[in-house]
Amino acid sequence: MSKSSPKSELQKRREALLMSRADLAHKSGISIQTIMRIEEGKPCRMSTRKKLLLALGLTVHDDEWMFRENVHKEAS
């Protein structure tokens, strides 16, 4: 059994919209594996974040709060 970690903002938003990772992957053009890594808090490119934000019905102005875990890790 794997240890559960707190949900990322991305995962919370995706689940609130009743979207599977496959749905988000299809809508954003990002692979399921990449979405899983991002939901685990791993860093990603700005272009990837933009695609995910738009697929979730958000704007680029939502980047800071949606990906705050990822942004802090990139700066380290």
Foldseek 3Di string as FASTA:
>chain_A
DDDDDDWALLRVLCVVVVHDLVRLCVQLVNDSVVVVCQRVLAADDLSSLQSSQVSSVHHSVCSCRRNVSRVVVVVD
